[in-house]
Amino acid sequence: MKDSIQIFLGIAALIGIAYRVFQVEKAIYDNIKALKELLVNQISETERDFAIHAALYQERTKHVDYLLHGLEEKIDHKFNRLFEEFKEMKAEQKYKRKADEN
C-alpha cells in the first residue's frame, strides 16, 4: 500500500512538474510573440516615418534648388544690366572725348 501511494504521488509530482514546465514554456512563447509583434510595429512605424522624412527632404531640396536658380537668374540679370550700363558709359566717354577734341 505504501509503495502504491509513493508511486501515485511520484506520478502526480511528475505530471505537476510537466504541467508547470509547459506553463512556463507557453509564457515564454507568448512573450516572444508579443515582443515580435511590438518590434514589427516599431519597424513599420520607423519605416513610415523615414519615408515621410525622405519625402519632406526631397521637397525641401527641390524648393531650395528652385530658390537658388531664381537668385542666380536675378544675379545674371543685374550683372547684364550693369555690364550694358558700363558699355554705354564707356561709349559716352569716347564720344565726349572726341567732342572735346574737336
Protein backbone atom coordinates (compact mmCIF):
# COMPACT_ATOMS: atom_id res chain seq x y z
CA MET A 1 0.00 0.00 0.00
CA LYS A 2 2.79 2.40 0.91
CA ASP A 3 4.57 1.63 -2.35
CA SER A 4 1.48 2.27 -4.42
CA ILE A 5 0.91 5.63 -2.65
CA GLN A 6 4.52 6.62 -3.31
CA ILE A 7 4.21 5.61 -6.97
CA PHE A 8 0.95 7.54 -7.26
CA LEU A 9 2.45 10.64 -5.58
CA GLY A 10 5.57 10.35 -7.77
CA ILE A 11 3.46 10.19 -10.94
CA ALA A 12 1.33 13.11 -9.69
CA ALA A 13 4.51 15.11 -8.95
CA LEU A 14 5.88 14.35 -12.45
CA ILE A 15 2.58 15.41 -14.01
CA GLY A 16 2.62 18.62 -11.91
CA ILE A 17 6.23 19.36 -12.89
CA ALA A 18 5.48 18.70 -16.57
CA TYR A 19 2.39 20.93 -16.37
CA ARG A 20 4.41 23.75 -14.75
CA VAL A 21 7.19 23.40 -17.36
CA PHE A 22 4.60 23.62 -20.15
CA GLN A 23 3.07 26.72 -18.48
CA VAL A 24 6.49 28.41 -18.35
CA GLU A 25 7.21 27.38 -21.94
CA LYS A 26 3.84 28.80 -23.07
CA ALA A 27 4.51 32.06 -21.19
CA ILE A 28 7.94 32.32 -22.85
CA TYR A 29 6.48 31.75 -26.31
CA ASP A 30 3.66 34.23 -25.65
CA ASN A 31 6.18 36.87 -24.57
CA ILE A 32 8.31 36.16 -27.65
CA LYS A 33 5.24 36.53 -29.87
CA ALA A 34 4.24 39.81 -28.17
CA LEU A 35 7.80 41.12 -28.50
CA LYS A 36 7.87 40.12 -32.17
CA GLU A 37 4.62 42.00 -32.82
CA LEU A 38 5.95 45.03 -30.95
CA LEU A 39 9.19 45.03 -32.96
CA VAL A 40 7.33 44.61 -36.25
CA ASN A 41 5.09 47.55 -35.35
CA GLN A 42 8.06 49.70 -34.34
CA ILE A 43 9.96 48.82 -37.53
CA SER A 44 6.89 49.60 -39.65
CA GLU A 45 6.40 52.91 -37.86
CA THR A 46 10.09 53.77 -38.26
CA GLU A 47 9.98 52.93 -41.98
CA ARG A 48 6.88 55.09 -42.40
CA ASP A 49 8.49 57.98 -40.51
CA PHE A 50 11.65 57.61 -42.58
CA ALA A 51 9.64 57.65 -45.81
CA ILE A 52 7.86 60.82 -44.66
CA HIS A 53 11.15 62.50 -43.74
CA ALA A 54 12.72 61.43 -47.03
CA ALA A 55 9.81 62.91 -48.96
CA LEU A 56 9.98 66.15 -46.96
CA TYR A 57 13.74 66.34 -47.50
CA GLN A 58 13.31 65.82 -51.23
CA GLU A 59 10.66 68.55 -51.37
CA ARG A 60 12.84 70.95 -49.37
CA THR A 61 15.78 70.19 -51.67
CA LYS A 62 13.67 70.94 -54.74
CA HIS A 63 12.42 74.16 -53.15
CA VAL A 64 15.96 75.28 -52.27
CA ASP A 65 17.13 74.45 -55.80
CA TYR A 66 14.24 76.49 -57.18
CA LEU A 67 15.14 79.45 -54.95
CA LEU A 68 18.83 79.21 -55.84
CA HIS A 69 18.02 79.11 -59.53
CA GLY A 70 15.82 82.18 -59.11
CA LEU A 71 18.62 84.02 -57.30
CA GLU A 72 21.12 83.03 -60.00
CA GLU A 73 18.77 84.35 -62.66
CA LYS A 74 18.33 87.60 -60.74
CA ILE A 75 22.10 87.99 -60.30
CA ASP A 76 22.69 87.29 -64.01
CA HIS A 77 20.04 89.83 -64.96
CA LYS A 78 21.53 92.50 -62.68
CA PHE A 79 25.03 91.75 -63.93
CA ASN A 80 23.97 92.01 -67.59
CA ARG A 81 22.16 95.30 -66.94
CA LEU A 82 25.17 96.71 -65.12
CA PHE A 83 27.50 95.50 -67.86
CA GLU A 84 25.36 97.18 -70.50
CA GLU A 85 25.38 100.41 -68.49
CA PHE A 86 29.18 100.27 -68.31
CA LYS A 87 29.33 99.79 -72.07
CA GLU A 88 27.06 102.81 -72.56
CA MET A 89 29.14 104.91 -70.17
CA LYS A 90 32.32 103.89 -71.96
CA ALA A 91 30.78 104.83 -75.32
CA GLU A 92 29.63 108.18 -73.88
CA GLN A 93 33.14 108.82 -72.58
CA LYS A 94 34.63 108.14 -76.01
CA TYR A 95 32.02 110.39 -77.63
CA LYS A 96 32.73 113.17 -75.11
CA ARG A 97 36.49 112.87 -75.67
CA LYS A 98 36.01 113.15 -79.42
CA ALA A 99 33.65 116.08 -78.93
CA ASP A 100 36.12 117.79 -76.58
CA GLU A 101 38.97 117.27 -79.05
CA ASN A 102 37.03 118.97 -81.86
